[in-house]
Amino acid sequence: MSWLRFLSKLSFICGLFFIASVSLLIKNWMTDIVAISTVVTIGYAMGLIIFPLVNLCYLGVLLVKRKLRVYVPLWLVVANFLFLLALITYIFYLNDPYYHQK
């Protein structure tokens, strides 16, 4: 189950980049365009793929083995689930019909 631990750590790093990319929308605190594009690509593009994948793997391990804490620390599971909830909230916020009205 080292692959699950690796995916969990990768998802956590993508989650940190997701939070950084959302904060870049609020205030542009970075001046390097290449760094901004890297942060946004890792945060949004990889986050859209990695967050649901890792949480589905967690669900599969819970259904089959019933002991997820043996393979991945609990704080990492909770953090990845919170990043998934933040991503879902962000997607719903972008698709809100009142968001695009002036």
PDB file of N, CA and C in Angstrom:
ATOM      1  N   MET A   1       0.803  -1.197   0.000  1.00  0.00           N
ATOM      2  CA  MET A   1       0.000   0.000   0.000  1.00  0.00           C
ATOM      3  C   MET A   1       0.847   1.263   0.000  1.00  0.00           C
ATOM      4  N   SER A   2       2.091   1.139  -0.421  1.00  0.00           N
ATOM      5  CA  SER A   2       2.927   2.337  -0.511  1.00  0.00           C
ATOM      6  C   SER A   2       2.439   3.261  -1.614  1.00  0.00           C
ATOM      7  N   TRP A   3       1.735   2.721  -2.613  1.00  0.00           N
ATOM      8  CA  TRP A   3       1.186   3.560  -3.675  1.00  0.00           C
ATOM      9  C   TRP A   3       0.115   4.488  -3.123  1.00  0.00           C
ATOM     10  N   LEU A   4      -0.649   4.036  -2.139  1.00  0.00           N
ATOM     11  CA  LEU A   4      -1.676   4.872  -1.538  1.00  0.00           C
ATOM     12  C   LEU A   4      -1.040   5.978  -0.705  1.00  0.00           C
ATOM     13  N   ARG A   5       0.016   5.668  -0.017  1.00  0.00           N
ATOM     14  CA  ARG A   5       0.729   6.676   0.755  1.00  0.00           C
ATOM     15  C   ARG A   5       1.335   7.732  -0.175  1.00  0.00           C
ATOM     16  N   PHE A   6       1.891   7.279  -1.309  1.00  0.00           N
ATOM     17  CA  PHE A   6       2.443   8.211  -2.290  1.00  0.00           C
ATOM     18  C   PHE A   6       1.353   9.103  -2.876  1.00  0.00           C
ATOM     19  N   LEU A   7       0.222   8.512  -3.273  1.00  0.00           N
ATOM     20  CA  LEU A   7      -0.876   9.305  -3.822  1.00  0.00           C
ATOM     21  C   LEU A   7      -1.427  10.281  -2.790  1.00  0.00           C
ATOM     22  N   SER A   8      -1.453   9.878  -1.538  1.00  0.00           N
ATOM     23  CA  SER A   8      -1.935  10.759  -0.480  1.00  0.00           C
ATOM     24  C   SER A   8      -1.032  11.959  -0.307  1.00  0.00           C
ATOM     25  N   LYS A   9       0.267  11.735  -0.341  1.00  0.00           N
ATOM     26  CA  LYS A   9       1.209  12.850  -0.215  1.00  0.00           C
ATOM     27  C   LYS A   9       1.150  13.757  -1.431  1.00  0.00           C
ATOM     28  N   LEU A  10       1.010  13.173  -2.612  1.00  0.00           N
ATOM     29  CA  LEU A  10       0.876  13.962  -3.840  1.00  0.00           C
ATOM     30  C   LEU A  10      -0.400  14.792  -3.803  1.00  0.00           C
ATOM     31  N   SER A  11      -1.471  14.212  -3.315  1.00  0.00           N
ATOM     32  CA  SER A  11      -2.729  14.933  -3.190  1.00  0.00           C
ATOM     33  C   SER A  11      -2.618  16.070  -2.184  1.00  0.00           C
ATOM     34  N   PHE A  12      -1.906  15.856  -1.108  1.00  0.00           N
ATOM     35  CA  PHE A  12      -1.718  16.911  -0.119  1.00  0.00           C
ATOM     36  C   PHE A  12      -0.934  18.080  -0.710  1.00  0.00           C
ATOM     37  N   ILE A  13       0.109  17.787  -1.467  1.00  0.00           N
ATOM     38  CA  ILE A  13       0.890  18.838  -2.103  1.00  0.00           C
ATOM     39  C   ILE A  13       0.042  19.593  -3.127  1.00  0.00           C
ATOM     40  N   CYS A  14      -0.755  18.866  -3.900  1.00  0.00           N
ATOM     41  CA  CYS A  14      -1.672  19.514  -4.852  1.00  0.00           C
ATOM     42  C   CYS A  14      -2.698  20.364  -4.111  1.00  0.00           C
ATOM     43  N   GLY A  15      -3.111  19.939  -2.951  1.00  0.00           N
ATOM     44  CA  GLY A  15      -4.051  20.721  -2.144  1.00  0.00           C
ATOM     45  C   GLY A  15      -3.448  22.033  -1.681  1.00  0.00           C
ATOM     46  N   LEU A  16      -2.181  21.992  -1.293  1.00  0.00           N
ATOM     47  CA  LEU A  16      -1.508  23.233  -0.913  1.00  0.00           C
ATOM     48  C   LEU A  16      -1.401  24.182  -2.105  1.00  0.00           C
ATOM     49  N   PHE A  17      -1.118  23.626  -3.270  1.00  0.00           N
ATOM     50  CA  PHE A  17      -1.061  24.452  -4.476  1.00  0.00           C
ATOM     51  C   PHE A  17      -2.456  24.954  -4.861  1.00  0.00           C
ATOM     52  N   PHE A  18      -3.491  24.171  -4.594  1.00  0.00           N
ATOM     53  CA  PHE A  18      -4.853  24.618  -4.864  1.00  0.00           C
ATOM     54  C   PHE A  18      -5.204  25.821  -3.996  1.00  0.00           C
ATOM     55  N   ILE A  19      -4.861  25.765  -2.726  1.00  0.00           N
ATOM     56  CA  ILE A  19      -5.114  26.891  -1.828  1.00  0.00           C
ATOM     57  C   ILE A  19      -4.314  28.114  -2.280  1.00  0.00           C
ATOM     58  N   ALA A  20      -3.084  27.897  -2.727  1.00  0.00           N
ATOM     59  CA  ALA A  20      -2.269  29.013  -3.220  1.00  0.00           C
ATOM     60  C   ALA A  20      -2.863  29.610  -4.493  1.00  0.00           C
ATOM     61  N   SER A  21      -3.396  28.780  -5.379  1.00  0.00           N
ATOM     62  CA  SER A  21      -3.969  29.302  -6.614  1.00  0.00           C
ATOM     63  C   SER A  21      -5.285  30.045  -6.356  1.00  0.00           C
ATOM     64  N   VAL A  22      -6.067  29.592  -5.398  1.00  0.00           N
ATOM     65  CA  VAL A  22      -7.276  30.329  -5.036  1.00  0.00           C
ATOM     66  C   VAL A  22      -6.896  31.664  -4.401  1.00  0.00           C
ATOM     67  N   SER A  23      -5.845  31.677  -3.607  1.00  0.00           N
ATOM     68  CA  SER A  23      -5.414  32.938  -3.009  1.00  0.00           C
ATOM     69  C   SER A  23      -4.851  33.890  -4.063  1.00  0.00           C
ATOM     70  N   LEU A  24      -4.321  33.348  -5.153  1.00  0.00           N
ATOM     71  CA  LEU A  24      -3.862  34.208  -6.247  1.00  0.00           C
ATOM     72  C   LEU A  24      -5.030  34.883  -6.952  1.00  0.00           C
ATOM     73  N   LEU A  25      -6.208  34.267  -6.929  1.00  0.00           N
ATOM     74  CA  LEU A  25      -7.385  34.921  -7.492  1.00  0.00           C
ATOM     75  C   LEU A  25      -7.820  36.113  -6.653  1.00  0.00           C
ATOM     76  N   ILE A  26      -7.651  35.988  -5.353  1.00  0.00           N
ATOM     77  CA  ILE A  26      -8.081  37.050  -4.449  1.00  0.00           C
ATOM     78  C   ILE A  26      -7.106  38.220  -4.490  1.00  0.00           C
ATOM     79  N   LYS A  27      -5.822  37.920  -4.362  1.00  0.00           N
ATOM     80  CA  LYS A  27      -4.796  38.963  -4.389  1.00  0.00           C
ATOM     81  C   LYS A  27      -3.583  38.420  -5.122  1.00  0.00           C
ATOM     82  N   ASN A  28      -3.130  39.150  -6.098  1.00  0.00           N
ATOM     83  CA  ASN A  28      -1.969  38.729  -6.875  1.00  0.00           C
ATOM     84  C   ASN A  28      -0.697  39.032  -6.084  1.00  0.00           C
ATOM     85  N   TRP A  29      -0.236  38.093  -5.314  1.00  0.00           N
ATOM     86  CA  TRP A  29       0.926  38.274  -4.462  1.00  0.00           C
ATOM     87  C   TRP A  29       2.203  37.722  -5.085  1.00  0.00           C
ATOM     88  N   MET A  30       2.101  37.198  -6.290  1.00  0.00           N
ATOM     89  CA  MET A  30       3.257  36.636  -6.975  1.00  0.00           C
ATOM     90  C   MET A  30       3.479  37.423  -8.269  1.00  0.00           C
ATOM     91  N   THR A  31       4.739  37.723  -8.595  1.00  0.00           N
ATOM     92  CA  THR A  31       4.997  38.529  -9.792  1.00  0.00           C
ATOM     93  C   THR A  31       5.533  37.714 -10.958  1.00  0.00           C
ATOM     94  N   ASP A  32       6.124  36.571 -10.701  1.00  0.00           N
ATOM     95  CA  ASP A  32       6.694  35.755 -11.765  1.00  0.00           C
ATOM     96  C   ASP A  32       5.588  34.982 -12.484  1.00  0.00           C
ATOM     97  N   ILE A  33       5.457  35.225 -13.779  1.00  0.00           N
ATOM     98  CA  ILE A  33       4.370  34.615 -14.551  1.00  0.00           C
ATOM     99  C   ILE A  33       4.551  33.105 -14.670  1.00  0.00           C
ATOM    100  N   VAL A  34       5.783  32.653 -14.788  1.00  0.00           N
ATOM    101  CA  VAL A  34       6.035  31.216 -14.897  1.00  0.00           C
ATOM    102  C   VAL A  34       5.656  30.507 -13.598  1.00  0.00           C
ATOM    103  N   ALA A  35       5.976  31.107 -12.473  1.00  0.00           N
ATOM    104  CA  ALA A  35       5.623  30.509 -11.181  1.00  0.00           C
ATOM    105  C   ALA A  35       4.113  30.500 -10.987  1.00  0.00           C
ATOM    106  N   ILE A  36       3.450  31.564 -11.416  1.00  0.00           N
ATOM    107  CA  ILE A  36       1.992  31.620 -11.301  1.00  0.00           C
ATOM    108  C   ILE A  36       1.353  30.517 -12.132  1.00  0.00           C
ATOM    109  N   SER A  37       1.826  30.330 -13.354  1.00  0.00           N
ATOM    110  CA  SER A  37       1.239  29.295 -14.200  1.00  0.00           C
ATOM    111  C   SER A  37       1.505  27.894 -13.641  1.00  0.00           C
ATOM    112  N   THR A  38       2.645  27.701 -13.018  1.00  0.00           N
ATOM    113  CA  THR A  38       2.948  26.412 -12.400  1.00  0.00           C
ATOM    114  C   THR A  38       2.028  26.143 -11.218  1.00  0.00           C
ATOM    115  N   VAL A  39       1.847  27.152 -10.380  1.00  0.00           N
ATOM    116  CA  VAL A  39       0.977  27.002  -9.210  1.00  0.00           C
ATOM    117  C   VAL A  39      -0.455  26.729  -9.645  1.00  0.00           C
ATOM    118  N   VAL A  40      -0.932  27.451 -10.641  1.00  0.00           N
ATOM    119  CA  VAL A  40      -2.308  27.270 -11.099  1.00  0.00           C
ATOM    120  C   VAL A  40      -2.483  25.904 -11.760  1.00  0.00           C
ATOM    121  N   THR A  41      -1.510  25.469 -12.546  1.00  0.00           N
ATOM    122  CA  THR A  41      -1.603  24.172 -13.207  1.00  0.00           C
ATOM    123  C   THR A  41      -1.619  23.031 -12.192  1.00  0.00           C
ATOM    124  N   ILE A  42      -0.727  23.085 -11.230  1.00  0.00           N
ATOM    125  CA  ILE A  42      -0.699  22.026 -10.216  1.00  0.00           C
ATOM    126  C   ILE A  42      -1.947  22.092  -9.342  1.00  0.00           C
ATOM    127  N   GLY A  43      -2.369  23.293  -8.981  1.00  0.00           N
ATOM    128  CA  GLY A  43      -3.515  23.443  -8.091  1.00  0.00           C
ATOM    129  C   GLY A  43      -4.830  23.037  -8.714  1.00  0.00           C
ATOM    130  N   TYR A  44      -5.087  23.511  -9.928  1.00  0.00           N
ATOM    131  CA  TYR A  44      -6.391  23.237 -10.544  1.00  0.00           C
ATOM    132  C   TYR A  44      -6.392  21.950 -11.358  1.00  0.00           C
ATOM    133  N   ALA A  45      -5.490  21.848 -12.315  1.00  0.00           N
ATOM    134  CA  ALA A  45      -5.530  20.713 -13.249  1.00  0.00           C
ATOM    135  C   ALA A  45      -5.235  19.393 -12.544  1.00  0.00           C
ATOM    136  N   MET A  46      -4.151  19.369 -11.789  1.00  0.00           N
ATOM    137  CA  MET A  46      -3.833  18.122 -11.090  1.00  0.00           C
ATOM    138  C   MET A  46      -4.805  17.867  -9.947  1.00  0.00           C
ATOM    139  N   GLY A  47      -5.264  18.945  -9.314  1.00  0.00           N
ATOM    140  CA  GLY A  47      -6.207  18.786  -8.215  1.00  0.00           C
ATOM    141  C   GLY A  47      -7.528  18.189  -8.653  1.00  0.00           C
ATOM    142  N   LEU A  48      -7.982  18.553  -9.845  1.00  0.00           N
ATOM    143  CA  LEU A  48      -9.239  18.005 -10.359  1.00  0.00           C
ATOM    144  C   LEU A  48      -9.153  16.500 -10.577  1.00  0.00           C
ATOM    145  N   ILE A  49      -7.975  16.008 -10.832  1.00  0.00           N
ATOM    146  CA  ILE A  49      -7.792  14.574 -11.072  1.00  0.00           C
ATOM    147  C   ILE A  49      -7.432  13.840  -9.783  1.00  0.00           C
ATOM    148  N   ILE A  50      -6.510  14.403  -9.025  1.00  0.00           N
ATOM    149  CA  ILE A  50      -5.938  13.701  -7.877  1.00  0.00           C
ATOM    150  C   ILE A  50      -6.899  13.620  -6.689  1.00  0.00           C
ATOM    151  N   PHE A  51      -7.601  14.721  -6.360  1.00  0.00           N
ATOM    152  CA  PHE A  51      -8.469  14.718  -5.166  1.00  0.00           C
ATOM    153  C   PHE A  51      -9.544  13.638  -5.226  1.00  0.00           C
ATOM    154  N   PRO A  52     -10.331  13.577  -6.308  1.00  0.00           N
ATOM    155  CA  PRO A  52     -11.350  12.505  -6.332  1.00  0.00           C
ATOM    156  C   PRO A  52     -10.739  11.108  -6.388  1.00  0.00           C
ATOM    157  N   LEU A  53      -9.621  10.967  -7.113  1.00  0.00           N
ATOM    158  CA  LEU A  53      -8.983   9.660  -7.226  1.00  0.00           C
ATOM    159  C   LEU A  53      -8.517   9.141  -5.874  1.00  0.00           C
ATOM    160  N   VAL A  54      -7.865   9.977  -5.117  1.00  0.00           N
ATOM    161  CA  VAL A  54      -7.349   9.561  -3.801  1.00  0.00           C
ATOM    162  C   VAL A  54      -8.499   9.249  -2.850  1.00  0.00           C
ATOM    163  N   ASN A  55      -9.544  10.071  -2.869  1.00  0.00           N
ATOM    164  CA  ASN A  55     -10.664   9.811  -1.973  1.00  0.00           C
ATOM    165  C   ASN A  55     -11.438   8.560  -2.369  1.00  0.00           C
ATOM    166  N   LEU A  56     -11.501   8.259  -3.650  1.00  0.00           N
ATOM    167  CA  LEU A  56     -12.099   6.988  -4.076  1.00  0.00           C
ATOM    168  C   LEU A  56     -11.238   5.797  -3.643  1.00  0.00           C
ATOM    169  N   CYS A  57      -9.930   5.958  -3.692  1.00  0.00           N
ATOM    170  CA  CYS A  57      -9.037   4.902  -3.195  1.00  0.00           C
ATOM    171  C   CYS A  57      -9.223   4.701  -1.699  1.00  0.00           C
ATOM    172  N   TYR A  58      -9.383   5.806  -0.952  1.00  0.00           N
ATOM    173  CA  TYR A  58      -9.660   5.689   0.481  1.00  0.00           C
ATOM    174  C   TYR A  58     -10.946   4.909   0.718  1.00  0.00           C
ATOM    175  N   LEU A  59     -11.969   5.231  -0.054  1.00  0.00           N
ATOM    176  CA  LEU A  59     -13.242   4.535   0.096  1.00  0.00           C
ATOM    177  C   LEU A  59     -13.098   3.058  -0.228  1.00  0.00           C
ATOM    178  N   GLY A  60     -12.332   2.736  -1.272  1.00  0.00           N
ATOM    179  CA  GLY A  60     -12.111   1.338  -1.622  1.00  0.00           C
ATOM    180  C   GLY A  60     -11.368   0.583  -0.537  1.00  0.00           C
ATOM    181  N   VAL A  61     -10.362   1.205   0.041  1.00  0.00           N
ATOM    182  CA  VAL A  61      -9.616   0.548   1.121  1.00  0.00           C
ATOM    183  C   VAL A  61     -10.503   0.374   2.343  1.00  0.00           C
ATOM    184  N   LEU A  62     -11.321   1.373   2.634  1.00  0.00           N
ATOM    185  CA  LEU A  62     -12.231   1.243   3.779  1.00  0.00           C
ATOM    186  C   LEU A  62     -13.242   0.120   3.573  1.00  0.00           C
ATOM    187  N   LEU A  63     -13.721  -0.039   2.349  1.00  0.00           N
ATOM    188  CA  LEU A  63     -14.701  -1.091   2.093  1.00  0.00           C
ATOM    189  C   LEU A  63     -14.085  -2.479   2.096  1.00  0.00           C
ATOM    190  N   VAL A  64     -12.838  -2.592   1.630  1.00  0.00           N
ATOM    191  CA  VAL A  64     -12.207  -3.913   1.530  1.00  0.00           C
ATOM    192  C   VAL A  64     -11.455  -4.282   2.804  1.00  0.00           C
ATOM    193  N   LYS A  65     -10.576  -3.414   3.256  1.00  0.00           N
ATOM    194  CA  LYS A  65      -9.688  -3.757   4.378  1.00  0.00           C
ATOM    195  C   LYS A  65     -10.184  -3.256   5.732  1.00  0.00           C
ATOM    196  N   ARG A  66     -10.941  -2.169   5.738  1.00  0.00           N
ATOM    197  CA  ARG A  66     -11.504  -1.578   6.945  1.00  0.00           C
ATOM    198  C   ARG A  66     -10.472  -0.946   7.876  1.00  0.00           C
ATOM    199  N   LYS A  67      -9.214  -0.884   7.481  1.00  0.00           N
ATOM    200  CA  LYS A  67      -8.199  -0.280   8.336  1.00  0.00           C
ATOM    201  C   LYS A  67      -7.341   0.668   7.504  1.00  0.00           C
ATOM    202  N   LEU A  68      -7.847   1.859   7.296  1.00  0.00           N
ATOM    203  CA  LEU A  68      -7.129   2.854   6.494  1.00  0.00           C
ATOM    204  C   LEU A  68      -5.988   3.481   7.275  1.00  0.00           C
ATOM    205  N   ARG A  69      -6.129   3.588   8.583  1.00  0.00           N
ATOM    206  CA  ARG A  69      -5.100   4.232   9.411  1.00  0.00           C
ATOM    207  C   ARG A  69      -3.789   3.462   9.432  1.00  0.00           C
ATOM    208  N   VAL A  70      -3.820   2.196   9.075  1.00  0.00           N
ATOM    209  CA  VAL A  70      -2.592   1.400   9.019  1.00  0.00           C
ATOM    210  C   VAL A  70      -1.710   1.868   7.860  1.00  0.00           C
ATOM    211  N   TYR A  71      -2.344   2.274   6.762  1.00  0.00           N
ATOM    212  CA  TYR A  71      -1.618   2.610   5.549  1.00  0.00           C
ATOM    213  C   TYR A  71      -1.318   4.097   5.414  1.00  0.00           C
ATOM    214  N   VAL A  72      -2.239   4.946   5.848  1.00  0.00           N
ATOM    215  CA  VAL A  72      -2.100   6.397   5.691  1.00  0.00           C
ATOM    216  C   VAL A  72      -2.450   7.049   7.025  1.00  0.00           C
ATOM    217  N   PRO A  73      -1.667   8.058   7.454  1.00  0.00           N
ATOM    218  CA  PRO A  73      -2.011   8.749   8.703  1.00  0.00           C
ATOM    219  C   PRO A  73      -3.378   9.436   8.604  1.00  0.00           C
ATOM    220  N   LEU A  74      -4.053   9.517   9.737  1.00  0.00           N
ATOM    221  CA  LEU A  74      -5.401  10.050   9.766  1.00  0.00           C
ATOM    222  C   LEU A  74      -5.447  11.528   9.384  1.00  0.00           C
ATOM    223  N   TRP A  75      -4.434  12.307   9.794  1.00  0.00           N
ATOM    224  CA  TRP A  75      -4.421  13.726   9.454  1.00  0.00           C
ATOM    225  C   TRP A  75      -4.326  13.933   7.944  1.00  0.00           C
ATOM    226  N   LEU A  76      -3.640  13.029   7.247  1.00  0.00           N
ATOM    227  CA  LEU A  76      -3.514  13.137   5.799  1.00  0.00           C
ATOM    228  C   LEU A  76      -4.829  12.796   5.107  1.00  0.00           C
ATOM    229  N   VAL A  77      -5.543  11.830   5.630  1.00  0.00           N
ATOM    230  CA  VAL A  77      -6.855  11.469   5.085  1.00  0.00           C
ATOM    231  C   VAL A  77      -7.828  12.624   5.264  1.00  0.00           C
ATOM    232  N   VAL A  78      -7.840  13.209   6.458  1.00  0.00           N
ATOM    233  CA  VAL A  78      -8.755  14.325   6.735  1.00  0.00           C
ATOM    234  C   VAL A  78      -8.405  15.536   5.877  1.00  0.00           C
ATOM    235  N   ALA A  79      -7.113  15.835   5.749  1.00  0.00           N
ATOM    236  CA  ALA A  79      -6.697  16.979   4.937  1.00  0.00           C
ATOM    237  C   ALA A  79      -7.077  16.791   3.470  1.00  0.00           C
ATOM    238  N   ASN A  80      -6.891  15.604   2.932  1.00  0.00           N
ATOM    239  CA  ASN A  80      -7.251  15.355   1.535  1.00  0.00           C
ATOM    240  C   ASN A  80      -8.762  15.422   1.329  1.00  0.00           C
ATOM    241  N   PHE A  81      -9.516  14.963   2.299  1.00  0.00           N
ATOM    242  CA  PHE A  81     -10.970  15.074   2.190  1.00  0.00           C
ATOM    243  C   PHE A  81     -11.409  16.531   2.247  1.00  0.00           C
ATOM    244  N   LEU A  82     -10.776  17.330   3.098  1.00  0.00           N
ATOM    245  CA  LEU A  82     -11.112  18.758   3.169  1.00  0.00           C
ATOM    246  C   LEU A  82     -10.733  19.483   1.884  1.00  0.00           C
ATOM    247  N   PHE A  83      -9.609  19.092   1.267  1.00  0.00           N
ATOM    248  CA  PHE A  83      -9.240  19.683  -0.017  1.00  0.00           C
ATOM    249  C   PHE A  83     -10.263  19.325  -1.092  1.00  0.00           C
ATOM    250  N   LEU A  84     -10.787  18.106  -1.042  1.00  0.00           N
ATOM    251  CA  LEU A  84     -11.826  17.717  -1.998  1.00  0.00           C
ATOM    252  C   LEU A  84     -13.086  18.541  -1.785  1.00  0.00           C
ATOM    253  N   LEU A  85     -13.474  18.742  -0.539  1.00  0.00           N
ATOM    254  CA  LEU A  85     -14.648  19.573  -0.260  1.00  0.00           C
ATOM    255  C   LEU A  85     -14.434  21.011  -0.711  1.00  0.00           C
ATOM    256  N   ALA A  86     -13.225  21.537  -0.523  1.00  0.00           N
ATOM    257  CA  ALA A  86     -12.922  22.895  -0.978  1.00  0.00           C
ATOM    258  C   ALA A  86     -12.992  22.989  -2.503  1.00  0.00           C
ATOM    259  N   LEU A  87     -12.511  21.977  -3.198  1.00  0.00           N
ATOM    260  CA  LEU A  87     -12.569  21.973  -4.655  1.00  0.00           C
ATOM    261  C   LEU A  87     -14.015  21.901  -5.145  1.00  0.00           C
ATOM    262  N   ILE A  88     -14.830  21.076  -4.521  1.00  0.00           N
ATOM    263  CA  ILE A  88     -16.232  20.975  -4.914  1.00  0.00           C
ATOM    264  C   ILE A  88     -16.955  22.297  -4.660  1.00  0.00           C
ATOM    265  N   THR A  89     -16.671  22.924  -3.531  1.00  0.00           N
ATOM    266  CA  THR A  89     -17.260  24.225  -3.223  1.00  0.00           C
ATOM    267  C   THR A  89     -16.836  25.267  -4.248  1.00  0.00           C
ATOM    268  N   TYR A  90     -15.572  25.255  -4.629  1.00  0.00           N
ATOM    269  CA  TYR A  90     -15.066  26.198  -5.624  1.00  0.00           C
ATOM    270  C   TYR A  90     -15.734  25.969  -6.981  1.00  0.00           C
ATOM    271  N   ILE A  91     -15.922  24.733  -7.374  1.00  0.00           N
ATOM    272  CA  ILE A  91     -16.582  24.433  -8.653  1.00  0.00           C
ATOM    273  C   ILE A  91     -18.035  24.904  -8.619  1.00  0.00           C
ATOM    274  N   PHE A  92     -18.736  24.670  -7.523  1.00  0.00           N
ATOM    275  CA  PHE A  92     -20.110  25.148  -7.413  1.00  0.00           C
ATOM    276  C   PHE A  92     -20.172  26.671  -7.413  1.00  0.00           C
ATOM    277  N   TYR A  93     -19.190  27.313  -6.811  1.00  0.00           N
ATOM    278  CA  TYR A  93     -19.143  28.775  -6.795  1.00  0.00           C
ATOM    279  C   TYR A  93     -18.945  29.322  -8.202  1.00  0.00           C
ATOM    280  N   LEU A  94     -18.099  28.688  -8.998  1.00  0.00           N
ATOM    281  CA  LEU A  94     -17.874  29.143 -10.367  1.00  0.00           C
ATOM    282  C   LEU A  94     -19.089  28.914 -11.256  1.00  0.00           C
ATOM    283  N   ASN A  95     -19.873  27.897 -10.996  1.00  0.00           N
ATOM    284  CA  ASN A  95     -21.036  27.587 -11.802  1.00  0.00           C
ATOM    285  C   ASN A  95     -22.313  28.224 -11.275  1.00  0.00           C
ATOM    286  N   ASP A  96     -22.195  29.072 -10.277  1.00  0.00           N
ATOM    287  CA  ASP A  96     -23.335  29.780  -9.744  1.00  0.00           C
ATOM    288  C   ASP A  96     -23.819  30.809 -10.762  1.00  0.00           C
ATOM    289  N   PRO A  97     -25.119  30.837 -11.076  1.00  0.00           N
ATOM    290  CA  PRO A  97     -25.586  31.795 -12.087  1.00  0.00           C
ATOM    291  C   PRO A  97     -25.443  33.246 -11.644  1.00  0.00           C
ATOM    292  N   TYR A  98     -25.425  33.504 -10.350  1.00  0.00           N
ATOM    293  CA  TYR A  98     -25.281  34.877  -9.863  1.00  0.00           C
ATOM    294  C   TYR A  98     -23.829  35.351  -9.870  1.00  0.00           C
ATOM    295  N   TYR A  99     -22.902  34.434 -10.035  1.00  0.00           N
ATOM    296  CA  TYR A  99     -21.484  34.801 -10.079  1.00  0.00           C
ATOM    297  C   TYR A  99     -21.156  35.595 -11.343  1.00  0.00           C
ATOM    298  N   HIS A 100     -21.821  35.282 -12.436  1.00  0.00           N
ATOM    299  CA  HIS A 100     -21.500  35.903 -13.722  1.00  0.00           C
ATOM    300  C   HIS A 100     -22.357  37.127 -14.014  1.00  0.00           C
ATOM    301  N   GLN A 101     -23.281  37.465 -13.148  1.00  0.00           N
ATOM    302  CA  GLN A 101     -24.090  38.657 -13.372  1.00  0.00           C
ATOM    303  C   GLN A 101     -23.403  39.875 -12.793  1.00  0.00           C
ATOM    304  N   LYS A 102     -23.665  40.993 -13.408  1.00  0.00           N
ATOM    305  CA  LYS A 102     -23.051  42.251 -12.914  1.00  0.00           C
ATOM    306  C   LYS A 102     -24.060  43.066 -12.171  1.00  0.00           C
TER     307      LYS A 102
END
